[in-house]
PDB file of all heavy atoms in Angstrom:
ATOM      1  N   THR A   1      52.286  -5.998 105.639  1.00  0.00           N
ATOM      2  CA  THR A   1      51.526  -7.201 105.344  1.00  0.00           C
ATOM      3  C   THR A   1      51.215  -7.184 103.852  1.00  0.00           C
ATOM      4  O   THR A   1      50.400  -6.390 103.389  1.00  0.00           O
ATOM      5  CB  THR A   1      50.234  -7.251 106.170  1.00  0.00           C
ATOM      6  OG1 THR A   1      50.570  -7.257 107.572  1.00  0.00           O
ATOM      7  CG2 THR A   1      49.437  -8.507 105.847  1.00  0.00           C
ATOM      8  N   LEU A   2      51.905  -8.047 103.100  1.00  0.00           N
ATOM      9  CA  LEU A   2      51.791  -8.043 101.653  1.00  0.00           C
ATOM     10  C   LEU A   2      50.521  -8.777 101.212  1.00  0.00           C
ATOM     11  O   LEU A   2      50.346  -9.964 101.453  1.00  0.00           O
ATOM     12  CB  LEU A   2      53.018  -8.677 101.010  1.00  0.00           C
ATOM     13  CG  LEU A   2      54.206  -7.755 100.684  1.00  0.00           C
ATOM     14  CD1 LEU A   2      53.838  -6.713  99.646  1.00  0.00           C
ATOM     15  CD2 LEU A   2      54.754  -7.100 101.923  1.00  0.00           C
ATOM     16  N   SER A   3      49.650  -8.038 100.553  1.00  0.00           N
ATOM     17  CA  SER A   3      48.385  -8.559 100.050  1.00  0.00           C
ATOM     18  C   SER A   3      48.221  -8.108  98.612  1.00  0.00           C
ATOM     19  O   SER A   3      49.055  -7.363  98.075  1.00  0.00           O
ATOM     20  CB  SER A   3      47.230  -8.045 100.899  1.00  0.00           C
ATOM     21  OG  SER A   3      47.058  -6.642 100.700  1.00  0.00           O
ATOM     22  N   LEU A   4      47.148  -8.522  97.983  1.00  0.00           N
ATOM     23  CA  LEU A   4      46.908  -8.065  96.613  1.00  0.00           C
ATOM     24  C   LEU A   4      46.674  -6.562  96.569  1.00  0.00           C
ATOM     25  O   LEU A   4      46.844  -5.930  95.522  1.00  0.00           O
ATOM     26  CB  LEU A   4      45.737  -8.838  95.987  1.00  0.00           C
ATOM     27  CG  LEU A   4      44.324  -8.703  96.599  1.00  0.00           C
ATOM     28  CD1 LEU A   4      43.612  -7.433  96.164  1.00  0.00           C
ATOM     29  CD2 LEU A   4      43.484  -9.918  96.184  1.00  0.00           C
ATOM     30  N   MET A   5      46.328  -5.956  97.713  1.00  0.00           N
ATOM     31  CA  MET A   5      46.069  -4.531  97.739  1.00  0.00           C
ATOM     32  C   MET A   5      47.349  -3.707  97.547  1.00  0.00           C
ATOM     33  O   MET A   5      47.358  -2.717  96.817  1.00  0.00           O
ATOM     34  CB  MET A   5      45.392  -4.125  99.055  1.00  0.00           C
ATOM     35  CG  MET A   5      43.984  -4.661  99.216  1.00  0.00           C
ATOM     36  SD  MET A   5      43.170  -4.106 100.762  1.00  0.00           S
ATOM     37  CE  MET A   5      43.984  -5.165 101.965  1.00  0.00           C
ATOM     38  N   ASN A   6      48.425  -4.105  98.198  1.00  0.00           N
ATOM     39  CA  ASN A   6      49.611  -3.240  98.240  1.00  0.00           C
ATOM     40  C   ASN A   6      50.855  -3.821  97.587  1.00  0.00           C
ATOM     41  O   ASN A   6      51.915  -3.199  97.617  1.00  0.00           O
ATOM     42  CB  ASN A   6      49.940  -2.879  99.692  1.00  0.00           C
ATOM     43  CG  ASN A   6      50.327  -4.083 100.536  1.00  0.00           C
ATOM     44  OD1 ASN A   6      50.006  -5.225 100.202  1.00  0.00           O
ATOM     45  ND2 ASN A   6      51.006  -3.833 101.644  1.00  0.00           N
ATOM     46  N   VAL A   7      50.766  -5.021  96.996  1.00  0.00           N
ATOM     47  CA  VAL A   7      51.961  -5.680  96.479  1.00  0.00           C
ATOM     48  C   VAL A   7      52.654  -4.847  95.396  1.00  0.00           C
ATOM     49  O   VAL A   7      53.885  -4.887  95.267  1.00  0.00           O
ATOM     50  CB  VAL A   7      51.620  -7.092  95.958  1.00  0.00           C
ATOM     51  CG1 VAL A   7      50.694  -7.029  94.730  1.00  0.00           C
ATOM     52  CG2 VAL A   7      52.886  -7.868  95.650  1.00  0.00           C
ATOM     53  N   GLN A   8      51.905  -4.054  94.648  1.00  0.00           N
ATOM     54  CA  GLN A   8      52.521  -3.214  93.621  1.00  0.00           C
ATOM     55  C   GLN A   8      53.115  -1.927  94.181  1.00  0.00           C
ATOM     56  O   GLN A   8      53.972  -1.308  93.545  1.00  0.00           O
ATOM     57  CB  GLN A   8      51.484  -2.847  92.553  1.00  0.00           C
ATOM     58  CG  GLN A   8      50.954  -4.036  91.768  1.00  0.00           C
ATOM     59  CD  GLN A   8      49.932  -3.616  90.735  1.00  0.00           C
ATOM     60  OE1 GLN A   8      50.267  -3.034  89.704  1.00  0.00           O
ATOM     61  NE2 GLN A   8      48.676  -3.932  90.987  1.00  0.00           N
ATOM     62  N   HIS A   9      52.680  -1.538  95.359  1.00  0.00           N
ATOM     63  CA  HIS A   9      53.075  -0.240  95.921  1.00  0.00           C
ATOM     64  C   HIS A   9      54.269  -0.341  96.853  1.00  0.00           C
ATOM     65  O   HIS A   9      55.072   0.594  96.938  1.00  0.00           O
ATOM     66  CB  HIS A   9      51.887   0.378  96.662  1.00  0.00           C
ATOM     67  CG  HIS A   9      52.185   1.700  97.293  1.00  0.00           C
ATOM     68  ND1 HIS A   9      52.449   2.838  96.566  1.00  0.00           N
ATOM     69  CD2 HIS A   9      52.287   2.065  98.600  1.00  0.00           C
ATOM     70  CE1 HIS A   9      52.680   3.849  97.385  1.00  0.00           C
ATOM     71  NE2 HIS A   9      52.592   3.408  98.623  1.00  0.00           N
ATOM     72  N   VAL A  10      54.412  -1.447  97.562  1.00  0.00           N
ATOM     73  CA  VAL A  10      55.437  -1.570  98.591  1.00  0.00           C
ATOM     74  C   VAL A  10      56.853  -1.341  98.065  1.00  0.00           C
ATOM     75  O   VAL A  10      57.654  -0.669  98.726  1.00  0.00           O
ATOM     76  CB  VAL A  10      55.318  -2.922  99.323  1.00  0.00           C
ATOM     77  CG1 VAL A  10      56.577  -3.235 100.127  1.00  0.00           C
ATOM     78  CG2 VAL A  10      54.109  -2.900 100.254  1.00  0.00           C
ATOM     79  N   PRO A  11      57.238  -1.856  96.875  1.00  0.00           N
ATOM     80  CA  PRO A  11      58.599  -1.571  96.406  1.00  0.00           C
ATOM     81  C   PRO A  11      58.904  -0.081  96.295  1.00  0.00           C
ATOM     82  O   PRO A  11      59.987   0.371  96.692  1.00  0.00           O
ATOM     83  CB  PRO A  11      58.642  -2.253  95.030  1.00  0.00           C
ATOM     84  CG  PRO A  11      57.663  -3.365  95.148  1.00  0.00           C
ATOM     85  CD  PRO A  11      56.551  -2.822  95.990  1.00  0.00           C
ATOM     86  N   ASN A  12      57.969   0.715  95.786  1.00  0.00           N
ATOM     87  CA  ASN A  12      58.182   2.163  95.683  1.00  0.00           C
ATOM     88  C   ASN A  12      58.245   2.820  97.061  1.00  0.00           C
ATOM     89  O   ASN A  12      59.063   3.720  97.300  1.00  0.00           O
ATOM     90  CB  ASN A  12      57.079   2.797  94.847  1.00  0.00           C
ATOM     91  CG  ASN A  12      57.149   2.412  93.383  1.00  0.00           C
ATOM     92  OD1 ASN A  12      58.212   2.103  92.862  1.00  0.00           O
ATOM     93  ND2 ASN A  12      56.005   2.405  92.707  1.00  0.00           N
ATOM     94  N   PHE A  13      57.372   2.376  97.967  1.00  0.00           N
ATOM     95  CA  PHE A  13      57.378   2.879  99.333  1.00  0.00           C
ATOM     96  C   PHE A  13      58.715   2.563 100.006  1.00  0.00           C
ATOM     97  O   PHE A  13      59.335   3.426 100.647  1.00  0.00           O
ATOM     98  CB  PHE A  13      56.200   2.267 100.093  1.00  0.00           C
ATOM     99  CG  PHE A  13      56.246   2.399 101.583  1.00  0.00           C
ATOM    100  CD1 PHE A  13      56.667   3.576 102.190  1.00  0.00           C
ATOM    101  CD2 PHE A  13      55.853   1.343 102.390  1.00  0.00           C
ATOM    102  CE1 PHE A  13      56.696   3.683 103.583  1.00  0.00           C
ATOM    103  CE2 PHE A  13      55.884   1.449 103.764  1.00  0.00           C
ATOM    104  CZ  PHE A  13      56.329   2.608 104.357  1.00  0.00           C
ATOM    105  N   HIS A  14      59.166   1.329  99.851  1.00  0.00           N
ATOM    106  CA  HIS A  14      60.436   0.892 100.420  1.00  0.00           C
ATOM    107  C   HIS A  14      61.591   1.768  99.911  1.00  0.00           C
ATOM    108  O   HIS A  14      62.398   2.294 100.689  1.00  0.00           O
ATOM    109  CB  HIS A  14      60.668  -0.579 100.043  1.00  0.00           C
ATOM    110  CG  HIS A  14      61.885  -1.195 100.655  1.00  0.00           C
ATOM    111  ND1 HIS A  14      62.511  -2.299 100.109  1.00  0.00           N
ATOM    112  CD2 HIS A  14      62.607  -0.891 101.765  1.00  0.00           C
ATOM    113  CE1 HIS A  14      63.527  -2.638 100.849  1.00  0.00           C
ATOM    114  NE2 HIS A  14      63.621  -1.806 101.856  1.00  0.00           N
ATOM    115  N   ARG A  15      61.657   1.946  98.620  1.00  0.00           N
ATOM    116  CA  ARG A  15      62.737   2.724  98.014  1.00  0.00           C
ATOM    117  C   ARG A  15      62.685   4.192  98.463  1.00  0.00           C
ATOM    118  O   ARG A  15      63.736   4.794  98.739  1.00  0.00           O
ATOM    119  CB  ARG A  15      62.654   2.619  96.501  1.00  0.00           C
ATOM    120  CG  ARG A  15      63.812   3.295  95.762  1.00  0.00           C
ATOM    121  CD  ARG A  15      63.848   2.847  94.322  1.00  0.00           C
ATOM    122  NE  ARG A  15      64.962   3.428  93.590  1.00  0.00           N
ATOM    123  CZ  ARG A  15      65.395   2.984  92.418  1.00  0.00           C
ATOM    124  NH1 ARG A  15      64.814   1.935  91.866  1.00  0.00           N
ATOM    125  NH2 ARG A  15      66.429   3.564  91.821  1.00  0.00           N
ATOM    126  N   ASP A  16      61.495   4.746  98.547  1.00  0.00           N
ATOM    127  CA  ASP A  16      61.338   6.142  98.950  1.00  0.00           C
ATOM    128  C   ASP A  16      61.888   6.384 100.347  1.00  0.00           C
ATOM    129  O   ASP A  16      62.624   7.354 100.583  1.00  0.00           O
ATOM    130  CB  ASP A  16      59.861   6.532  98.886  1.00  0.00           C
ATOM    131  CG  ASP A  16      59.601   7.958  99.374  1.00  0.00           C
ATOM    132  OD1 ASP A  16      60.175   8.890  98.779  1.00  0.00           O
ATOM    133  OD2 ASP A  16      58.824   8.129 100.329  1.00  0.00           O
ATOM    134  N   TRP A  17      61.563   5.510 101.300  1.00  0.00           N
ATOM    135  CA  TRP A  17      62.039   5.700 102.665  1.00  0.00           C
ATOM    136  C   TRP A  17      63.554   5.491 102.771  1.00  0.00           C
ATOM    137  O   TRP A  17      64.215   6.138 103.594  1.00  0.00           O
ATOM    138  CB  TRP A  17      61.273   4.773 103.613  1.00  0.00           C
ATOM    139  CG  TRP A  17      60.077   5.456 104.198  1.00  0.00           C
ATOM    140  CD1 TRP A  17      59.232   6.300 103.529  1.00  0.00           C
ATOM    141  CD2 TRP A  17      59.612   5.407 105.540  1.00  0.00           C
ATOM    142  NE1 TRP A  17      58.260   6.755 104.390  1.00  0.00           N
ATOM    143  CE2 TRP A  17      58.468   6.226 105.627  1.00  0.00           C
ATOM    144  CE3 TRP A  17      60.032   4.743 106.684  1.00  0.00           C
ATOM    145  CZ2 TRP A  17      57.752   6.390 106.811  1.00  0.00           C
ATOM    146  CZ3 TRP A  17      59.329   4.907 107.884  1.00  0.00           C
ATOM    147  CH2 TRP A  17      58.195   5.717 107.937  1.00  0.00           C
ATOM    148  N   ILE A  18      64.096   4.598 101.964  1.00  0.00           N
ATOM    149  CA  ILE A  18      65.545   4.426 101.943  1.00  0.00           C
ATOM    150  C   ILE A  18      66.221   5.711 101.455  1.00  0.00           C
ATOM    151  O   ILE A  18      67.172   6.205 102.065  1.00  0.00           O
ATOM    152  CB  ILE A  18      65.938   3.236 101.036  1.00  0.00           C
ATOM    153  CG1 ILE A  18      65.458   1.920 101.655  1.00  0.00           C
ATOM    154  CG2 ILE A  18      67.459   3.202 100.827  1.00  0.00           C
ATOM    155  CD1 ILE A  18      65.590   0.729 100.705  1.00  0.00           C
ATOM    156  N   GLU A  19      65.717   6.249 100.359  1.00  0.00           N
ATOM    157  CA  GLU A  19      66.315   7.443  99.768  1.00  0.00           C
ATOM    158  C   GLU A  19      66.155   8.672 100.655  1.00  0.00           C
ATOM    159  O   GLU A  19      66.975   9.596 100.601  1.00  0.00           O
ATOM    160  CB  GLU A  19      65.700   7.685  98.386  1.00  0.00           C
ATOM    161  CG  GLU A  19      66.092   6.605  97.371  1.00  0.00           C
ATOM    162  CD  GLU A  19      65.404   6.754  96.036  1.00  0.00           C
ATOM    163  OE1 GLU A  19      64.398   7.517  95.978  1.00  0.00           O
ATOM    164  OE2 GLU A  19      65.850   6.122  95.054  1.00  0.00           O
ATOM    165  N   ARG A  20      65.131   8.675 101.510  1.00  0.00           N
ATOM    166  CA  ARG A  20      64.917   9.794 102.437  1.00  0.00           C
ATOM    167  C   ARG A  20      65.668   9.620 103.755  1.00  0.00           C
ATOM    168  O   ARG A  20      65.589  10.485 104.631  1.00  0.00           O
ATOM    169  CB  ARG A  20      63.428   9.975 102.697  1.00  0.00           C
ATOM    170  CG  ARG A  20      62.631  10.448 101.492  1.00  0.00           C
ATOM    171  CD  ARG A  20      61.135  10.367 101.720  1.00  0.00           C
ATOM    172  NE  ARG A  20      60.712  11.213 102.839  1.00  0.00           N
ATOM    173  CZ  ARG A  20      59.470  11.239 103.311  1.00  0.00           C
ATOM    174  NH1 ARG A  20      58.547  10.462 102.772  1.00  0.00           N
ATOM    175  NH2 ARG A  20      59.157  12.038 104.330  1.00  0.00           N
ATOM    176  N   GLY A  21      66.383   8.534 103.912  1.00  0.00           N
ATOM    177  CA  GLY A  21      67.147   8.291 105.128  1.00  0.00           C
ATOM    178  C   GLY A  21      66.332   7.837 106.308  1.00  0.00           C
ATOM    179  O   GLY A  21      66.818   7.829 107.449  1.00  0.00           O
ATOM    180  N   LEU A  22      65.097   7.405 106.086  1.00  0.00           N
ATOM    181  CA  LEU A  22      64.224   6.942 107.153  1.00  0.00           C
ATOM    182  C   LEU A  22      64.355   5.448 107.408  1.00  0.00           C
ATOM    183  O   LEU A  22      63.843   4.940 108.411  1.00  0.00           O
ATOM    184  CB  LEU A  22      62.760   7.281 106.818  1.00  0.00           C
ATOM    185  CG  LEU A  22      62.433   8.763 106.659  1.00  0.00           C
ATOM    186  CD1 LEU A  22      60.982   8.942 106.197  1.00  0.00           C
ATOM    187  CD2 LEU A  22      62.673   9.507 107.955  1.00  0.00           C
ATOM    188  N   LEU A  23      65.040   4.747 106.513  1.00  0.00           N
ATOM    189  CA  LEU A  23      65.112   3.296 106.598  1.00  0.00           C
ATOM    190  C   LEU A  23      66.392   2.813 105.928  1.00  0.00           C
ATOM    191  O   LEU A  23      66.809   3.361 104.906  1.00  0.00           O
ATOM    192  CB  LEU A  23      63.896   2.671 105.883  1.00  0.00           C
ATOM    193  CG  LEU A  23      63.577   1.206 106.138  1.00  0.00           C
ATOM    194  CD1 LEU A  23      63.062   1.016 107.560  1.00  0.00           C
ATOM    195  CD2 LEU A  23      62.541   0.714 105.135  1.00  0.00           C
ATOM    196  N   LYS A  24      67.014   1.781 106.514  1.00  0.00           N
ATOM    197  CA  LYS A  24      68.141   1.125 105.870  1.00  0.00           C
ATOM    198  C   LYS A  24      67.611   0.084 104.876  1.00  0.00           C
ATOM    199  O   LYS A  24      66.540  -0.489 105.093  1.00  0.00           O
ATOM    200  CB  LYS A  24      69.032   0.459 106.913  1.00  0.00           C
ATOM    201  CG  LYS A  24      69.692   1.443 107.868  1.00  0.00           C
ATOM    202  CD  LYS A  24      70.483   0.711 108.940  1.00  0.00           C
ATOM    203  CE  LYS A  24      71.100   1.693 109.929  1.00  0.00           C
ATOM    204  NZ  LYS A  24      71.791   1.005 111.047  1.00  0.00           N
ATOM    205  N   PRO A  25      68.326  -0.173 103.797  1.00  0.00           N
ATOM    206  CA  PRO A  25      67.816  -1.086 102.766  1.00  0.00           C
ATOM    207  C   PRO A  25      67.369  -2.439 103.284  1.00  0.00           C
ATOM    208  O   PRO A  25      66.355  -2.986 102.827  1.00  0.00           O
ATOM    209  CB  PRO A  25      69.005  -1.229 101.804  1.00  0.00           C
ATOM    210  CG  PRO A  25      69.769   0.043 101.963  1.00  0.00           C
ATOM    211  CD  PRO A  25      69.637   0.410 103.416  1.00  0.00           C
ATOM    212  N   GLN A  26      68.118  -3.003 104.249  1.00  0.00           N
ATOM    213  CA  GLN A  26      67.800  -4.337 104.739  1.00  0.00           C
ATOM    214  C   GLN A  26      66.642  -4.367 105.723  1.00  0.00           C
ATOM    215  O   GLN A  26      66.145  -5.444 106.069  1.00  0.00           O
ATOM    216  CB  GLN A  26      69.032  -4.957 105.413  1.00  0.00           C
ATOM    217  CG  GLN A  26      69.438  -4.307 106.741  1.00  0.00           C
ATOM    218  CD  GLN A  26      70.413  -3.176 106.574  1.00  0.00           C
ATOM    219  OE1 GLN A  26      70.572  -2.638 105.471  1.00  0.00           O
ATOM    220  NE2 GLN A  26      71.093  -2.808 107.646  1.00  0.00           N
ATOM    221  N   ASP A  27      66.164  -3.196 106.158  1.00  0.00           N
ATOM    222  CA  ASP A  27      65.206  -3.140 107.256  1.00  0.00           C
ATOM    223  C   ASP A  27      63.751  -3.194 106.783  1.00  0.00           C
ATOM    224  O   ASP A  27      62.944  -2.297 107.038  1.00  0.00           O
ATOM    225  CB  ASP A  27      65.458  -1.907 108.112  1.00  0.00           C
ATOM    226  CG  ASP A  27      66.730  -2.046 108.929  1.00  0.00           C
ATOM    227  OD1 ASP A  27      67.181  -3.191 109.129  1.00  0.00           O
ATOM    228  OD2 ASP A  27      67.281  -1.016 109.376  1.00  0.00           O
ATOM    229  N   LEU A  28      63.426  -4.248 106.080  1.00  0.00           N
ATOM    230  CA  LEU A  28      62.043  -4.542 105.698  1.00  0.00           C
ATOM    231  C   LEU A  28      61.830  -6.033 105.850  1.00  0.00           C
ATOM    232  O   LEU A  28      62.620  -6.840 105.350  1.00  0.00           O
ATOM    233  CB  LEU A  28      61.750  -4.106 104.259  1.00  0.00           C
ATOM    234  CG  LEU A  28      60.299  -4.354 103.783  1.00  0.00           C
ATOM    235  CD1 LEU A  28      59.816  -3.213 102.899  1.00  0.00           C
ATOM    236  CD2 LEU A  28      60.168  -5.680 103.024  1.00  0.00           C
ATOM    237  N   ASN A  29      60.783  -6.389 106.561  1.00  0.00           N
ATOM    238  CA  ASN A  29      60.415  -7.786 106.766  1.00  0.00           C
ATOM    239  C   ASN A  29      59.157  -8.082 105.964  1.00  0.00           C
ATOM    240  O   ASN A  29      58.097  -7.516 106.225  1.00  0.00           O
ATOM    241  CB  ASN A  29      60.171  -8.066 108.246  1.00  0.00           C
ATOM    242  CG  ASN A  29      59.727  -9.496 108.497  1.00  0.00           C
ATOM    243  OD1 ASN A  29      60.405 -10.442 108.115  1.00  0.00           O
ATOM    244  ND2 ASN A  29      58.567  -9.661 109.139  1.00  0.00           N
ATOM    245  N   VAL A  30      59.283  -8.930 104.957  1.00  0.00           N
ATOM    246  CA  VAL A  30      58.140  -9.287 104.123  1.00  0.00           C
ATOM    247  C   VAL A  30      57.237 -10.248 104.884  1.00  0.00           C
ATOM    248  O   VAL A  30      57.626 -11.372 105.194  1.00  0.00           O
ATOM    249  CB  VAL A  30      58.597  -9.919 102.793  1.00  0.00           C
ATOM    250  CG1 VAL A  30      57.387 -10.450 102.022  1.00  0.00           C
ATOM    251  CG2 VAL A  30      59.339  -8.891 101.945  1.00  0.00           C
ATOM    252  N   ASN A  31      56.039  -9.786 105.199  1.00  0.00           N
ATOM    253  CA  ASN A  31      55.035 -10.593 105.891  1.00  0.00           C
ATOM    254  C   ASN A  31      53.893 -10.845 104.909  1.00  0.00           C
ATOM    255  O   ASN A  31      53.106  -9.955 104.635  1.00  0.00           O
ATOM    256  CB  ASN A  31      54.541  -9.850 107.135  1.00  0.00           C
ATOM    257  CG  ASN A  31      53.419 -10.573 107.838  1.00  0.00           C
ATOM    258  OD1 ASN A  31      53.365 -11.803 107.873  1.00  0.00           O
ATOM    259  ND2 ASN A  31      52.479  -9.802 108.376  1.00  0.00           N
ATOM    260  N   VAL A  32      53.828 -12.033 104.360  1.00  0.00           N
ATOM    261  CA  VAL A  32      52.835 -12.353 103.341  1.00  0.00           C
ATOM    262  C   VAL A  32      51.515 -12.722 103.997  1.00  0.00           C
ATOM    263  O   VAL A  32      51.444 -13.654 104.797  1.00  0.00           O
ATOM    264  CB  VAL A  32      53.311 -13.500 102.435  1.00  0.00           C
ATOM    265  CG1 VAL A  32      52.247 -13.834 101.396  1.00  0.00           C
ATOM    266  CG2 VAL A  32      54.604 -13.113 101.727  1.00  0.00           C
ATOM    267  N   LEU A  33      50.476 -11.979 103.671  1.00  0.00           N
ATOM    268  CA  LEU A  33      49.150 -12.253 104.233  1.00  0.00           C
ATOM    269  C   LEU A  33      48.663 -13.629 103.773  1.00  0.00           C
ATOM    270  O   LEU A  33      48.748 -13.974 102.599  1.00  0.00           O
ATOM    271  CB  LEU A  33      48.167 -11.161 103.782  1.00  0.00           C
ATOM    272  CG  LEU A  33      46.724 -11.285 104.285  1.00  0.00           C
ATOM    273  CD1 LEU A  33      46.136  -9.908 104.562  1.00  0.00           C
ATOM    274  CD2 LEU A  33      45.844 -12.019 103.275  1.00  0.00           C
ATOM    275  N   GLN A  34      48.138 -14.403 104.708  1.00  0.00           N
ATOM    276  CA  GLN A  34      47.600 -15.717 104.402  1.00  0.00           C
ATOM    277  C   GLN A  34      46.092 -15.804 104.662  1.00  0.00           C
ATOM    278  O   GLN A  34      45.418 -16.668 104.117  1.00  0.00           O
ATOM    279  CB  GLN A  34      48.347 -16.781 105.195  1.00  0.00           C
ATOM    280  CG  GLN A  34      49.823 -16.917 104.775  1.00  0.00           C
ATOM    281  CD  GLN A  34      50.577 -17.953 105.573  1.00  0.00           C
ATOM    282  OE1 GLN A  34      50.553 -17.943 106.788  1.00  0.00           O
ATOM    283  NE2 GLN A  34      51.272 -18.850 104.910  1.00  0.00           N
ATOM    284  N   SER A  35      45.590 -14.918 105.507  1.00  0.00           N
ATOM    285  CA  SER A  35      44.164 -14.908 105.826  1.00  0.00           C
ATOM    286  C   SER A  35      43.729 -13.481 106.145  1.00  0.00           C
ATOM    287  O   SER A  35      44.504 -12.738 106.781  1.00  0.00           O
ATOM    288  CB  SER A  35      43.888 -15.824 107.027  1.00  0.00           C
ATOM    289  OG  SER A  35      42.521 -15.831 107.377  1.00  0.00           O
ATOM    290  N   PRO A  36      42.543 -13.047 105.673  1.00  0.00           N
ATOM    291  CA  PRO A  36      41.534 -13.755 104.882  1.00  0.00           C
ATOM    292  C   PRO A  36      42.036 -14.081 103.465  1.00  0.00           C
ATOM    293  O   PRO A  36      42.786 -13.288 102.869  1.00  0.00           O
ATOM    294  CB  PRO A  36      40.365 -12.753 104.818  1.00  0.00           C
ATOM    295  CG  PRO A  36      40.607 -11.785 105.923  1.00  0.00           C
ATOM    296  CD  PRO A  36      42.089 -11.665 106.048  1.00  0.00           C
TER     297      PRO A  36
END
């Protein structure tokens, strides 16, 4: 859930799991927080 809290961190998290073989590059669904 992309919010102002984690928007800067998620790209690094995404890349780390890809490089560790825990995730395929395409396997991330961007869910933009709308509320609160």
